[in-house]
Amino acid sequence: METFKIDRGVITEAGIFFPPGCHGLVYAKLFFQAHQILPRNQESWCHGNNGWWREDAEMPVDSSPQTCKVVAWADGTSYNHTITVCVEVSPFSYIPRWDEVVGAISALLDLLSVEESEASE
């Protein structure tokens, strides 16, 4: 298990790269606090050879520093393997302002709602 720190913002993407030579024998999971980011299926493990596992995410990081955790194992391998883990954290300023979000949701609800005169019939 390895840990690393991330700053305040929003986790927008995460990835794990398995270099050539892993041959699907190295397994890993990525966590932020108690939430598993990769893979999304809680019972699966990421694994591969010369390829990325990537996921888009929308996880707020309210304070900094916060800790991410990587759990990895490689039973039955003859050599050490080094995987690369990336977490993209965007500043909160890139997230739409809440008044814009609330306005968009209100407009959508207005489109979906039933007029008062129809409801009273």
Foldseek 3Di string as FASTA:
>chain_A
DDKDWDFFAWFFKKKKFFEAPQAFQKWKWKAFPPRTVPPNPPVDTDGDYGDMDMDTDTGGDHGPTGMMDMDMDGPPDDDDGDMDIDIDGDHNVPPDDVVVVVVVVVVVVVVVDDDPVVVVD
